[in-house]
Amino acid sequence: MTQKQRSNLASEITDRRAALSRMEGAADLEKENRLRQSLIDFQNATDLNASFQSALSNIEASGLDETTQQTLITSARENFALQSRVRADRIQLTTVDLEELKDAVTQEKTNLTGNAKQAYQLLREAYKFDPASTSAYLDRKLKASTNQNNRYINGVRIDAIESNISDVSPDELAFYDKQLFGDVIMTASNMFDFPQIVNGLNQGVVLPSAKVALESALTSNNEENLNAGIQAFERYSNLEAVTEDGRRTGLDIMRKNLSPESYALYSAISQSARAEGVEPLAIALEFRNYDGKIDADIKTDLELPKNANIGRALDAYPMSSNYKKEILAMLRVQKGKRQCNY
């Protein structure tokens, strides 16, 4: 064979090899595309697990290179896990079902029944190769179901409290208040914007957030808050109630709801203002702007030792501790008023 013949033969063999490679490449590409389509078809499969196992077997028997096979297996697992979760979402499960399902899937227990068993059959296989995503999915489902149950239970509880708010326990009031106003900044000047606060006051109940707002108003630097607190105190400490037999009587809902110290101070400011014919706000500001130590100055006026307890000045008189606080508050307010008149 001449050199030219050998050269022509080599060229022909090379061309044939290239053509065969192209044919093999096209066949592999077609095979890969068919396998990918079978993975997409998981969403329409009657038996998802069977379709998944069949796809894995077809990939392994495809004769494709190892890298392509591994890519297809990864896609098969991802699509299967996704479709497992999609189908599990369609199954009605209670919170108890979800708790049992999570334990079963993660610990491979098979003593489930009904809907929980159906969901287990979908999710267990996915958990084997994708435990993190499957567990996270179950956690989200369980949390959402628990939150929904809690919202329903809390809603029923809130309705029950609202229908009988004047007779519920302090713990129930605290729960009710937290559910409604947990993140709300309540002040004496804005608390009447909330119907629940007004409803409580009208039934003789000062909700915890309203109590904090009223007591904070006494030390607030905001005059609007202080004025609103005084107005609320005066309004709800001088109500008129009608008994079942038609008698009219006074009703003071502030006394049982505010702390004794706050009630005493509000009362002293209000009474002093009425006695002197001035606005309660003016009295409150005069008291708060007192220059010096007001208790020390009162003890000097009463000729008490500096280290004496100011409350001892009233020990000679029979009275309750709350009434004593009110008299001491009045003394302090009046002392502040007198200083401003000097």
C-alpha atoms as a PDB file:
ATOM      1  CA  MET A   1       0.000   0.000   0.000  1.00  0.00           C
ATOM      2  CA  THR A   2       1.431   3.266  -1.078  1.00  0.00           C
ATOM      3  CA  GLN A   3       1.913   6.227   1.225  1.00  0.00           C
ATOM      4  CA  LYS A   4      -0.983   8.015  -0.430  1.00  0.00           C
ATOM      5  CA  GLN A   5      -3.278   5.016   0.039  1.00  0.00           C
ATOM      6  CA  ARG A   6      -2.311   4.748   3.701  1.00  0.00           C
ATOM      7  CA  SER A   7      -3.001   8.452   4.173  1.00  0.00           C
ATOM      8  CA  ASN A   8      -6.409   8.231   2.511  1.00  0.00           C
ATOM      9  CA  LEU A   9      -7.337   5.200   4.676  1.00  0.00           C
ATOM     10  CA  ALA A  10      -6.324   7.009   7.870  1.00  0.00           C
ATOM     11  CA  SER A  11      -8.445  10.002   6.885  1.00  0.00           C
ATOM     12  CA  GLU A  12     -11.412   7.786   6.144  1.00  0.00           C
ATOM     13  CA  ILE A  13     -11.087   5.980   9.496  1.00  0.00           C
ATOM     14  CA  THR A  14     -10.874   9.324  11.323  1.00  0.00           C
ATOM     15  CA  ASP A  15     -13.959  10.615   9.537  1.00  0.00           C
ATOM     16  CA  ARG A  16     -15.865   7.426  10.351  1.00  0.00           C
ATOM     17  CA  ARG A  17     -14.846   7.646  14.010  1.00  0.00           C
ATOM     18  CA  ALA A  18     -15.999  11.287  14.162  1.00  0.00           C
ATOM     19  CA  ALA A  19     -19.300  10.344  12.541  1.00  0.00           C
ATOM     20  CA  LEU A  20     -19.774   7.440  14.970  1.00  0.00           C
ATOM     21  CA  SER A  21     -18.944   9.730  17.910  1.00  0.00           C
ATOM     22  CA  ARG A  22     -21.483  12.242  16.691  1.00  0.00           C
ATOM     23  CA  MET A  23     -24.073   9.512  16.368  1.00  0.00           C
ATOM     24  CA  GLU A  24     -23.265   8.170  19.828  1.00  0.00           C
ATOM     25  CA  GLY A  25     -23.378  11.709  21.251  1.00  0.00           C
ATOM     26  CA  ALA A  26     -26.749  12.379  19.680  1.00  0.00           C
ATOM     27  CA  ALA A  27     -28.088   9.051  20.975  1.00  0.00           C
ATOM     28  CA  ASP A  28     -26.801   9.780  24.497  1.00  0.00           C
ATOM     29  CA  LEU A  29     -28.294  13.254  24.412  1.00  0.00           C
ATOM     30  CA  GLU A  30     -31.639  11.869  23.296  1.00  0.00           C
ATOM     31  CA  LYS A  31     -31.450   9.229  26.040  1.00  0.00           C
ATOM     32  CA  GLU A  32     -30.595  11.869  28.664  1.00  0.00           C
ATOM     33  CA  ASN A  33     -33.485  14.073  27.538  1.00  0.00           C
ATOM     34  CA  ARG A  34     -35.920  11.139  27.790  1.00  0.00           C
ATOM     35  CA  LEU A  35     -34.707  10.424  31.307  1.00  0.00           C
ATOM     36  CA  ARG A  36     -35.053  14.091  32.304  1.00  0.00           C
ATOM     37  CA  GLN A  37     -38.597  14.125  30.959  1.00  0.00           C
ATOM     38  CA  SER A  38     -39.403  11.075  33.076  1.00  0.00           C
ATOM     39  CA  LEU A  39     -38.301  13.047  36.136  1.00  0.00           C
ATOM     40  CA  ILE A  40     -40.589  15.938  35.210  1.00  0.00           C
ATOM     41  CA  ASP A  41     -43.418  13.440  34.803  1.00  0.00           C
ATOM     42  CA  PHE A  42     -43.225  12.636  38.559  1.00  0.00           C
ATOM     43  CA  GLN A  43     -45.889  15.288  39.066  1.00  0.00           C
ATOM     44  CA  ASN A  44     -48.395  13.207  37.088  1.00  0.00           C
ATOM     45  CA  ALA A  45     -47.393   9.788  38.407  1.00  0.00           C
ATOM     46  CA  THR A  46     -50.120   7.629  39.947  1.00  0.00           C
ATOM     47  CA  ASP A  47     -47.557   5.898  42.179  1.00  0.00           C
ATOM     48  CA  LEU A  48     -44.828   8.407  42.973  1.00  0.00           C
ATOM     49  CA  ASN A  49     -42.537   5.948  44.766  1.00  0.00           C
ATOM     50  CA  ALA A  50     -42.743   3.434  41.927  1.00  0.00           C
ATOM     51  CA  SER A  51     -41.996   6.118  39.328  1.00  0.00           C
ATOM     52  CA  PHE A  52     -38.993   7.290  41.345  1.00  0.00           C
ATOM     53  CA  GLN A  53     -37.515   3.795  41.709  1.00  0.00           C
ATOM     54  CA  SER A  54     -38.124   3.106  37.994  1.00  0.00           C
ATOM     55  CA  ALA A  55     -36.326   6.331  37.066  1.00  0.00           C
ATOM     56  CA  LEU A  56     -33.310   5.394  39.202  1.00  0.00           C
ATOM     57  CA  SER A  57     -33.138   1.956  37.583  1.00  0.00           C
ATOM     58  CA  ASN A  58     -33.357   3.453  34.083  1.00  0.00           C
ATOM     59  CA  ILE A  59     -30.583   5.926  34.851  1.00  0.00           C
ATOM     60  CA  GLU A  60     -28.284   3.182  36.135  1.00  0.00           C
ATOM     61  CA  ALA A  61     -29.000   1.013  33.078  1.00  0.00           C
ATOM     62  CA  SER A  62     -28.655   3.881  30.596  1.00  0.00           C
ATOM     63  CA  GLY A  63     -24.972   3.407  29.844  1.00  0.00           C
ATOM     64  CA  LEU A  64     -24.418   7.146  30.149  1.00  0.00           C
ATOM     65  CA  ASP A  65     -21.162   8.382  31.628  1.00  0.00           C
ATOM     66  CA  GLU A  66     -20.903   8.441  35.430  1.00  0.00           C
ATOM     67  CA  THR A  67     -21.051  12.242  35.745  1.00  0.00           C
ATOM     68  CA  THR A  68     -24.251  12.474  33.702  1.00  0.00           C
ATOM     69  CA  GLN A  69     -25.803   9.606  35.669  1.00  0.00           C
ATOM     70  CA  GLN A  70     -24.993  11.270  38.984  1.00  0.00           C
ATOM     71  CA  THR A  71     -26.481  14.560  37.782  1.00  0.00           C
ATOM     72  CA  LEU A  72     -29.674  12.764  36.737  1.00  0.00           C
ATOM     73  CA  ILE A  73     -29.879  10.872  40.068  1.00  0.00           C
ATOM     74  CA  THR A  74     -29.549  14.170  41.969  1.00  0.00           C
ATOM     75  CA  SER A  75     -32.326  15.716  39.859  1.00  0.00           C
ATOM     76  CA  ALA A  76     -34.498  12.629  40.387  1.00  0.00           C
ATOM     77  CA  ARG A  77     -34.110  12.899  44.148  1.00  0.00           C
ATOM     78  CA  GLU A  78     -34.835  16.635  44.167  1.00  0.00           C
ATOM     79  CA  ASN A  79     -37.953  16.227  42.021  1.00  0.00           C
ATOM     80  CA  PHE A  80     -39.142  13.270  44.076  1.00  0.00           C
ATOM     81  CA  ALA A  81     -38.651  15.140  47.385  1.00  0.00           C
ATOM     82  CA  LEU A  82     -40.495  18.170  45.993  1.00  0.00           C
ATOM     83  CA  GLN A  83     -43.431  16.102  44.752  1.00  0.00           C
ATOM     84  CA  SER A  84     -43.525  14.203  48.060  1.00  0.00           C
ATOM     85  CA  ARG A  85     -43.969  17.479  49.930  1.00  0.00           C
ATOM     86  CA  VAL A  86     -46.525  18.768  47.404  1.00  0.00           C
ATOM     87  CA  ARG A  87     -48.625  15.623  47.806  1.00  0.00           C
ATOM     88  CA  ALA A  88     -48.190  15.557  51.589  1.00  0.00           C
ATOM     89  CA  ASP A  89     -49.558  19.125  51.691  1.00  0.00           C
ATOM     90  CA  ARG A  90     -52.813  17.826  50.198  1.00  0.00           C
ATOM     91  CA  ILE A  91     -53.316  15.373  53.044  1.00  0.00           C
ATOM     92  CA  GLN A  92     -55.350  16.642  55.985  1.00  0.00           C
ATOM     93  CA  LEU A  93     -53.315  16.164  59.148  1.00  0.00           C
ATOM     94  CA  THR A  94     -53.983  17.244  62.717  1.00  0.00           C
ATOM     95  CA  THR A  95     -51.278  18.558  65.014  1.00  0.00           C
ATOM     96  CA  VAL A  96     -51.137  15.159  66.708  1.00  0.00           C
ATOM     97  CA  ASP A  97     -50.829  13.467  63.287  1.00  0.00           C
ATOM     98  CA  LEU A  98     -47.912  15.750  62.425  1.00  0.00           C
ATOM     99  CA  GLU A  99     -46.161  15.066  65.725  1.00  0.00           C
ATOM    100  CA  GLU A 100     -46.458  11.308  65.179  1.00  0.00           C
ATOM    101  CA  LEU A 101     -45.491  11.664  61.513  1.00  0.00           C
ATOM    102  CA  LYS A 102     -42.314  13.545  62.354  1.00  0.00           C
ATOM    103  CA  ASP A 103     -41.259  10.891  64.855  1.00  0.00           C
ATOM    104  CA  ALA A 104     -42.092   8.117  62.399  1.00  0.00           C
ATOM    105  CA  VAL A 105     -40.250   9.648  59.433  1.00  0.00           C
ATOM    106  CA  THR A 106     -37.098  10.423  61.402  1.00  0.00           C
ATOM    107  CA  GLN A 107     -37.056   7.137  63.333  1.00  0.00           C
ATOM    108  CA  GLU A 108     -38.561   4.852  60.633  1.00  0.00           C
ATOM    109  CA  LYS A 109     -41.577   3.745  62.627  1.00  0.00           C
ATOM    110  CA  THR A 110     -44.414   2.214  60.647  1.00  0.00           C
ATOM    111  CA  ASN A 111     -47.193   1.928  63.223  1.00  0.00           C
ATOM    112  CA  LEU A 112     -49.129   4.847  61.716  1.00  0.00           C
ATOM    113  CA  THR A 113     -52.624   4.648  60.314  1.00  0.00           C
ATOM    114  CA  GLY A 114     -54.927   6.670  58.087  1.00  0.00           C
ATOM    115  CA  ASN A 115     -53.718   9.982  56.694  1.00  0.00           C
ATOM    116  CA  ALA A 116     -50.531   9.972  58.765  1.00  0.00           C
ATOM    117  CA  LYS A 117     -49.515   6.633  57.225  1.00  0.00           C
ATOM    118  CA  GLN A 118     -50.212   7.967  53.725  1.00  0.00           C
ATOM    119  CA  ALA A 119     -47.974  10.981  54.373  1.00  0.00           C
ATOM    120  CA  TYR A 120     -45.298   8.729  55.867  1.00  0.00           C
ATOM    121  CA  GLN A 121     -45.150   6.640  52.686  1.00  0.00           C
ATOM    122  CA  LEU A 122     -44.492   9.813  50.716  1.00  0.00           C
ATOM    123  CA  LEU A 123     -41.922  11.420  52.995  1.00  0.00           C
ATOM    124  CA  ARG A 124     -39.882   8.546  54.403  1.00  0.00           C
ATOM    125  CA  GLU A 125     -38.058   7.823  51.128  1.00  0.00           C
ATOM    126  CA  ALA A 126     -37.244  11.521  50.689  1.00  0.00           C
ATOM    127  CA  TYR A 127     -35.885  11.647  54.254  1.00  0.00           C
ATOM    128  CA  LYS A 128     -33.374   8.890  53.469  1.00  0.00           C
ATOM    129  CA  PHE A 129     -31.397  11.044  51.014  1.00  0.00           C
ATOM    130  CA  ASP A 130     -32.528  14.535  52.071  1.00  0.00           C
ATOM    131  CA  PRO A 131     -33.065  14.467  55.867  1.00  0.00           C
ATOM    132  CA  ALA A 132     -32.412  18.197  56.419  1.00  0.00           C
ATOM    133  CA  SER A 133     -35.033  19.513  53.992  1.00  0.00           C
ATOM    134  CA  THR A 134     -37.586  16.867  54.962  1.00  0.00           C
ATOM    135  CA  SER A 135     -37.195  17.564  58.689  1.00  0.00           C
ATOM    136  CA  ALA A 136     -37.401  21.315  58.071  1.00  0.00           C
ATOM    137  CA  TYR A 137     -40.602  20.795  56.087  1.00  0.00           C
ATOM    138  CA  LEU A 138     -42.166  18.771  58.899  1.00  0.00           C
ATOM    139  CA  ASP A 139     -41.079  21.366  61.468  1.00  0.00           C
ATOM    140  CA  ARG A 140     -42.738  24.146  59.444  1.00  0.00           C
ATOM    141  CA  LYS A 141     -45.935  22.131  59.078  1.00  0.00           C
ATOM    142  CA  LEU A 142     -46.030  21.326  62.783  1.00  0.00           C
ATOM    143  CA  LYS A 143     -45.343  24.912  63.817  1.00  0.00           C
ATOM    144  CA  ALA A 144     -48.017  26.274  61.472  1.00  0.00           C
ATOM    145  CA  SER A 145     -50.566  23.763  62.769  1.00  0.00           C
ATOM    146  CA  THR A 146     -49.677  24.515  66.393  1.00  0.00           C
ATOM    147  CA  ASN A 147     -49.913  28.267  65.795  1.00  0.00           C
ATOM    148  CA  GLN A 148     -53.279  27.851  64.105  1.00  0.00           C
ATOM    149  CA  ASN A 149     -54.573  25.796  67.034  1.00  0.00           C
ATOM    150  CA  ASN A 150     -53.229  28.350  69.502  1.00  0.00           C
ATOM    151  CA  ARG A 151     -54.863  31.190  67.593  1.00  0.00           C
ATOM    152  CA  TYR A 152     -58.184  29.372  67.699  1.00  0.00           C
ATOM    153  CA  ILE A 153     -57.871  28.494  71.386  1.00  0.00           C
ATOM    154  CA  ASN A 154     -56.713  32.003  72.277  1.00  0.00           C
ATOM    155  CA  GLY A 155     -59.548  33.491  70.235  1.00  0.00           C
ATOM    156  CA  VAL A 156     -62.108  31.434  72.153  1.00  0.00           C
ATOM    157  CA  ARG A 157     -60.442  32.392  75.432  1.00  0.00           C
ATOM    158  CA  ILE A 158     -60.396  36.091  74.529  1.00  0.00           C
ATOM    159  CA  ASP A 159     -64.084  35.996  73.565  1.00  0.00           C
ATOM    160  CA  ALA A 160     -64.906  34.370  76.902  1.00  0.00           C
ATOM    161  CA  ILE A 161     -62.958  37.016  78.821  1.00  0.00           C
ATOM    162  CA  GLU A 162     -64.579  39.884  76.928  1.00  0.00           C
ATOM    163  CA  SER A 163     -68.054  38.534  77.624  1.00  0.00           C
ATOM    164  CA  ASN A 164     -67.400  38.442  81.382  1.00  0.00           C
ATOM    165  CA  ILE A 165     -64.506  40.840  81.896  1.00  0.00           C
ATOM    166  CA  SER A 166     -65.703  42.206  85.242  1.00  0.00           C
ATOM    167  CA  ASP A 167     -65.503  38.760  86.890  1.00  0.00           C
ATOM    168  CA  VAL A 168     -62.382  37.156  85.431  1.00  0.00           C
ATOM    169  CA  SER A 169     -59.219  36.495  87.434  1.00  0.00           C
ATOM    170  CA  PRO A 170     -56.130  38.742  87.362  1.00  0.00           C
ATOM    171  CA  ASP A 171     -54.278  36.019  85.438  1.00  0.00           C
ATOM    172  CA  GLU A 172     -56.966  36.008  82.753  1.00  0.00           C
ATOM    173  CA  LEU A 173     -56.858  39.808  82.542  1.00  0.00           C
ATOM    174  CA  ALA A 174     -53.073  39.661  82.180  1.00  0.00           C
ATOM    175  CA  PHE A 175     -53.397  37.096  79.358  1.00  0.00           C
ATOM    176  CA  TYR A 176     -56.100  39.167  77.641  1.00  0.00           C
ATOM    177  CA  ASP A 177     -54.028  42.332  77.928  1.00  0.00           C
ATOM    178  CA  LYS A 178     -50.863  40.700  76.571  1.00  0.00           C
ATOM    179  CA  GLN A 179     -52.681  39.208  73.591  1.00  0.00           C
ATOM    180  CA  LEU A 180     -54.163  42.581  72.662  1.00  0.00           C
ATOM    181  CA  PHE A 181     -51.431  45.047  73.605  1.00  0.00           C
ATOM    182  CA  GLY A 182     -48.203  43.043  73.824  1.00  0.00           C
ATOM    183  CA  ASP A 183     -46.255  45.386  71.520  1.00  0.00           C
ATOM    184  CA  VAL A 184     -48.310  48.548  71.983  1.00  0.00           C
ATOM    185  CA  ILE A 185     -46.847  51.588  73.729  1.00  0.00           C
ATOM    186  CA  MET A 186     -49.762  52.590  75.934  1.00  0.00           C
ATOM    187  CA  THR A 187     -50.001  56.080  77.443  1.00  0.00           C
ATOM    188  CA  ALA A 188     -52.699  57.901  79.372  1.00  0.00           C
ATOM    189  CA  SER A 189     -53.260  60.134  76.352  1.00  0.00           C
ATOM    190  CA  ASN A 190     -53.790  57.304  73.824  1.00  0.00           C
ATOM    191  CA  MET A 191     -55.373  54.537  75.886  1.00  0.00           C
ATOM    192  CA  PHE A 192     -58.914  55.704  75.094  1.00  0.00           C
ATOM    193  CA  ASP A 193     -58.198  55.009  71.422  1.00  0.00           C
ATOM    194  CA  PHE A 194     -58.542  51.289  72.215  1.00  0.00           C
ATOM    195  CA  PRO A 195     -62.154  50.043  72.532  1.00  0.00           C
ATOM    196  CA  GLN A 196     -61.081  47.182  74.813  1.00  0.00           C
ATOM    197  CA  ILE A 197     -59.690  49.683  77.350  1.00  0.00           C
ATOM    198  CA  VAL A 198     -62.892  51.719  77.273  1.00  0.00           C
ATOM    199  CA  ASN A 199     -65.049  48.592  77.521  1.00  0.00           C
ATOM    200  CA  GLY A 200     -63.073  47.458  80.564  1.00  0.00           C
ATOM    201  CA  LEU A 201     -63.334  50.835  82.290  1.00  0.00           C
ATOM    202  CA  ASN A 202     -67.068  50.965  81.643  1.00  0.00           C
ATOM    203  CA  GLN A 203     -67.365  47.617  83.397  1.00  0.00           C
ATOM    204  CA  GLY A 204     -65.184  48.649  86.320  1.00  0.00           C
ATOM    205  CA  VAL A 205     -61.939  47.067  85.128  1.00  0.00           C
ATOM    206  CA  VAL A 206     -58.621  48.803  84.486  1.00  0.00           C
ATOM    207  CA  LEU A 207     -56.593  46.525  82.227  1.00  0.00           C
ATOM    208  CA  PRO A 208     -52.893  46.088  83.129  1.00  0.00           C
ATOM    209  CA  SER A 209     -51.644  48.241  80.217  1.00  0.00           C
ATOM    210  CA  ALA A 210     -54.039  51.035  81.187  1.00  0.00           C
ATOM    211  CA  LYS A 211     -52.917  50.800  84.815  1.00  0.00           C
ATOM    212  CA  VAL A 212     -49.270  51.147  83.786  1.00  0.00           C
ATOM    213  CA  ALA A 213     -50.182  54.095  81.555  1.00  0.00           C
ATOM    214  CA  LEU A 214     -52.066  55.875  84.348  1.00  0.00           C
ATOM    215  CA  GLU A 215     -49.366  55.327  86.948  1.00  0.00           C
ATOM    216  CA  SER A 216     -46.611  56.319  84.519  1.00  0.00           C
ATOM    217  CA  ALA A 217     -48.437  59.569  83.754  1.00  0.00           C
ATOM    218  CA  LEU A 218     -47.714  60.777  87.294  1.00  0.00           C
ATOM    219  CA  THR A 219     -43.984  60.861  86.527  1.00  0.00           C
ATOM    220  CA  SER A 220     -44.198  61.599  82.810  1.00  0.00           C
ATOM    221  CA  ASN A 221     -42.478  64.662  81.379  1.00  0.00           C
ATOM    222  CA  ASN A 222     -45.270  64.855  78.825  1.00  0.00           C
ATOM    223  CA  GLU A 223     -47.936  67.261  80.092  1.00  0.00           C
ATOM    224  CA  GLU A 224     -50.519  65.738  77.742  1.00  0.00           C
ATOM    225  CA  ASN A 225     -50.068  62.356  79.421  1.00  0.00           C
ATOM    226  CA  LEU A 226     -50.255  63.859  82.896  1.00  0.00           C
ATOM    227  CA  ASN A 227     -53.387  65.830  82.090  1.00  0.00           C
ATOM    228  CA  ALA A 228     -55.026  62.783  80.472  1.00  0.00           C
ATOM    229  CA  GLY A 229     -54.176  60.656  83.514  1.00  0.00           C
ATOM    230  CA  ILE A 230     -55.732  63.194  85.896  1.00  0.00           C
ATOM    231  CA  GLN A 231     -58.860  63.481  83.765  1.00  0.00           C
ATOM    232  CA  ALA A 232     -59.231  59.687  83.602  1.00  0.00           C
ATOM    233  CA  PHE A 233     -58.773  59.403  87.364  1.00  0.00           C
ATOM    234  CA  GLU A 234     -61.362  62.063  88.107  1.00  0.00           C
ATOM    235  CA  ARG A 235     -63.847  60.519  85.692  1.00  0.00           C
ATOM    236  CA  TYR A 236     -63.595  56.938  86.916  1.00  0.00           C
ATOM    237  CA  SER A 237     -63.172  57.614  90.626  1.00  0.00           C
ATOM    238  CA  ASN A 238     -66.456  59.514  90.776  1.00  0.00           C
ATOM    239  CA  LEU A 239     -68.944  57.322  88.944  1.00  0.00           C
ATOM    240  CA  GLU A 240     -72.574  56.820  89.851  1.00  0.00           C
ATOM    241  CA  ALA A 241     -73.962  53.302  90.001  1.00  0.00           C
ATOM    242  CA  VAL A 242     -77.559  52.149  90.318  1.00  0.00           C
ATOM    243  CA  THR A 243     -78.229  49.113  92.497  1.00  0.00           C
ATOM    244  CA  GLU A 244     -80.771  46.414  91.678  1.00  0.00           C
ATOM    245  CA  ASP A 245     -83.307  48.049  93.998  1.00  0.00           C
ATOM    246  CA  GLY A 246     -82.921  51.394  92.216  1.00  0.00           C
ATOM    247  CA  ARG A 247     -80.704  53.187  94.738  1.00  0.00           C
ATOM    248  CA  ARG A 248     -77.917  55.407  93.398  1.00  0.00           C
ATOM    249  CA  THR A 249     -74.486  55.111  94.919  1.00  0.00           C
ATOM    250  CA  GLY A 250     -70.956  56.310  94.249  1.00  0.00           C
ATOM    251  CA  LEU A 251     -68.504  54.037  92.460  1.00  0.00           C
ATOM    252  CA  ASP A 252     -64.720  54.424  92.477  1.00  0.00           C
ATOM    253  CA  ILE A 253     -63.018  51.920  90.169  1.00  0.00           C
ATOM    254  CA  MET A 254     -59.645  53.629  90.470  1.00  0.00           C
ATOM    255  CA  ARG A 255     -59.236  52.714  94.144  1.00  0.00           C
ATOM    256  CA  LYS A 256     -59.222  48.953  93.588  1.00  0.00           C
ATOM    257  CA  ASN A 257     -57.196  49.068  90.370  1.00  0.00           C
ATOM    258  CA  LEU A 258     -54.361  51.558  90.961  1.00  0.00           C
ATOM    259  CA  SER A 259     -51.586  51.047  93.486  1.00  0.00           C
ATOM    260  CA  PRO A 260     -52.307  52.747  96.844  1.00  0.00           C
ATOM    261  CA  GLU A 261     -49.466  55.218  96.237  1.00  0.00           C
ATOM    262  CA  SER A 262     -50.683  56.220  92.779  1.00  0.00           C
ATOM    263  CA  TYR A 263     -54.277  56.483  93.933  1.00  0.00           C
ATOM    264  CA  ALA A 264     -53.253  58.642  96.895  1.00  0.00           C
ATOM    265  CA  LEU A 265     -51.296  61.036  94.698  1.00  0.00           C
ATOM    266  CA  TYR A 266     -54.033  61.326  92.070  1.00  0.00           C
ATOM    267  CA  SER A 267     -56.579  61.899  94.838  1.00  0.00           C
ATOM    268  CA  ALA A 268     -54.465  64.567  96.518  1.00  0.00           C
ATOM    269  CA  ILE A 269     -53.881  66.437  93.259  1.00  0.00           C
ATOM    270  CA  SER A 270     -57.568  66.292  92.347  1.00  0.00           C
ATOM    271  CA  GLN A 271     -58.833  67.369  95.774  1.00  0.00           C
ATOM    272  CA  SER A 272     -56.334  70.204  96.056  1.00  0.00           C
ATOM    273  CA  ALA A 273     -57.286  71.469  92.617  1.00  0.00           C
ATOM    274  CA  ARG A 274     -60.983  71.465  93.477  1.00  0.00           C
ATOM    275  CA  ALA A 275     -60.390  73.164  96.841  1.00  0.00           C
ATOM    276  CA  GLU A 276     -58.362  75.952  95.266  1.00  0.00           C
ATOM    277  CA  GLY A 277     -60.360  76.264  92.065  1.00  0.00           C
ATOM    278  CA  VAL A 278     -57.448  75.586  89.718  1.00  0.00           C
ATOM    279  CA  GLU A 279     -56.685  72.987  87.082  1.00  0.00           C
ATOM    280  CA  PRO A 280     -55.410  69.638  88.484  1.00  0.00           C
ATOM    281  CA  LEU A 281     -52.549  69.814  85.989  1.00  0.00           C
ATOM    282  CA  ALA A 282     -51.301  73.028  87.589  1.00  0.00           C
ATOM    283  CA  ILE A 283     -51.275  71.386  91.046  1.00  0.00           C
ATOM    284  CA  ALA A 284     -49.458  68.322  89.693  1.00  0.00           C
ATOM    285  CA  LEU A 285     -46.774  70.427  88.027  1.00  0.00           C
ATOM    286  CA  GLU A 286     -46.263  72.523  91.162  1.00  0.00           C
ATOM    287  CA  PHE A 287     -45.815  69.352  93.197  1.00  0.00           C
ATOM    288  CA  ARG A 288     -43.376  67.857  90.722  1.00  0.00           C
ATOM    289  CA  ASN A 289     -41.358  71.069  90.474  1.00  0.00           C
ATOM    290  CA  TYR A 290     -40.806  71.250  94.243  1.00  0.00           C
ATOM    291  CA  ASP A 291     -37.314  72.505  95.021  1.00  0.00           C
ATOM    292  CA  GLY A 292     -35.804  70.328  97.718  1.00  0.00           C
ATOM    293  CA  LYS A 293     -36.750  67.160  99.598  1.00  0.00           C
ATOM    294  CA  ILE A 294     -40.439  67.440 100.290  1.00  0.00           C
ATOM    295  CA  ASP A 295     -40.658  64.730 102.987  1.00  0.00           C
ATOM    296  CA  ALA A 296     -37.745  66.231 104.909  1.00  0.00           C
ATOM    297  CA  ASP A 297     -39.410  69.629 104.858  1.00  0.00           C
ATOM    298  CA  ILE A 298     -42.737  68.186 106.037  1.00  0.00           C
ATOM    299  CA  LYS A 299     -40.982  66.464 108.942  1.00  0.00           C
ATOM    300  CA  THR A 300     -39.442  69.811 109.874  1.00  0.00           C
ATOM    301  CA  ASP A 301     -42.918  71.397 109.814  1.00  0.00           C
ATOM    302  CA  LEU A 302     -44.265  68.630 112.042  1.00  0.00           C
ATOM    303  CA  GLU A 303     -41.234  68.820 114.340  1.00  0.00           C
ATOM    304  CA  LEU A 304     -40.289  65.218 113.636  1.00  0.00           C
ATOM    305  CA  PRO A 305     -36.685  63.958 113.837  1.00  0.00           C
ATOM    306  CA  LYS A 306     -34.886  63.874 110.493  1.00  0.00           C
ATOM    307  CA  ASN A 307     -34.500  60.097 110.681  1.00  0.00           C
ATOM    308  CA  ALA A 308     -38.170  59.510 111.593  1.00  0.00           C
ATOM    309  CA  ASN A 309     -40.571  57.687 109.284  1.00  0.00           C
ATOM    310  CA  ILE A 310     -42.982  60.340 108.038  1.00  0.00           C
ATOM    311  CA  GLY A 311     -45.851  57.888 108.287  1.00  0.00           C
ATOM    312  CA  ARG A 312     -45.389  57.727 112.064  1.00  0.00           C
ATOM    313  CA  ALA A 313     -46.837  61.217 112.295  1.00  0.00           C
ATOM    314  CA  LEU A 314     -50.275  59.681 111.796  1.00  0.00           C
ATOM    315  CA  ASP A 315     -49.870  56.699 114.123  1.00  0.00           C
ATOM    316  CA  ALA A 316     -51.945  58.357 116.817  1.00  0.00           C
ATOM    317  CA  TYR A 317     -54.999  58.308 114.582  1.00  0.00           C
ATOM    318  CA  PRO A 318     -56.937  55.118 113.795  1.00  0.00           C
ATOM    319  CA  MET A 319     -57.012  54.735 110.037  1.00  0.00           C
ATOM    320  CA  SER A 320     -56.220  52.246 107.297  1.00  0.00           C
ATOM    321  CA  SER A 321     -52.816  52.189 105.648  1.00  0.00           C
ATOM    322  CA  ASN A 322     -54.373  53.302 102.365  1.00  0.00           C
ATOM    323  CA  TYR A 323     -56.080  56.282 103.966  1.00  0.00           C
ATOM    324  CA  LYS A 324     -52.791  57.177 105.636  1.00  0.00           C
ATOM    325  CA  LYS A 325     -51.128  57.190 102.212  1.00  0.00           C
ATOM    326  CA  GLU A 326     -53.805  59.550 100.910  1.00  0.00           C
ATOM    327  CA  ILE A 327     -53.298  62.004 103.785  1.00  0.00           C
ATOM    328  CA  LEU A 328     -49.526  61.919 103.318  1.00  0.00           C
ATOM    329  CA  ALA A 329     -49.997  62.512  99.598  1.00  0.00           C
ATOM    330  CA  MET A 330     -52.198  65.490 100.398  1.00  0.00           C
ATOM    331  CA  LEU A 331     -49.535  66.873 102.741  1.00  0.00           C
ATOM    332  CA  ARG A 332     -46.910  66.540 100.009  1.00  0.00           C
ATOM    333  CA  VAL A 333     -49.075  68.194  97.372  1.00  0.00           C
ATOM    334  CA  GLN A 334     -49.981  71.037  99.702  1.00  0.00           C
ATOM    335  CA  LYS A 335     -46.340  71.514 100.638  1.00  0.00           C
ATOM    336  CA  GLY A 336     -45.441  71.807  96.974  1.00  0.00           C
ATOM    337  CA  LYS A 337     -48.296  74.264  96.455  1.00  0.00           C
ATOM    338  CA  ARG A 338     -47.230  76.459  99.359  1.00  0.00           C
ATOM    339  CA  GLN A 339     -43.643  76.665  98.100  1.00  0.00           C
ATOM    340  CA  CYS A 340     -44.839  77.982  94.757  1.00  0.00           C
ATOM    341  CA  ASN A 341     -46.902  80.672  96.520  1.00  0.00           C
ATOM    342  CA  TYR A 342     -43.960  82.022  98.478  1.00  0.00           C
END
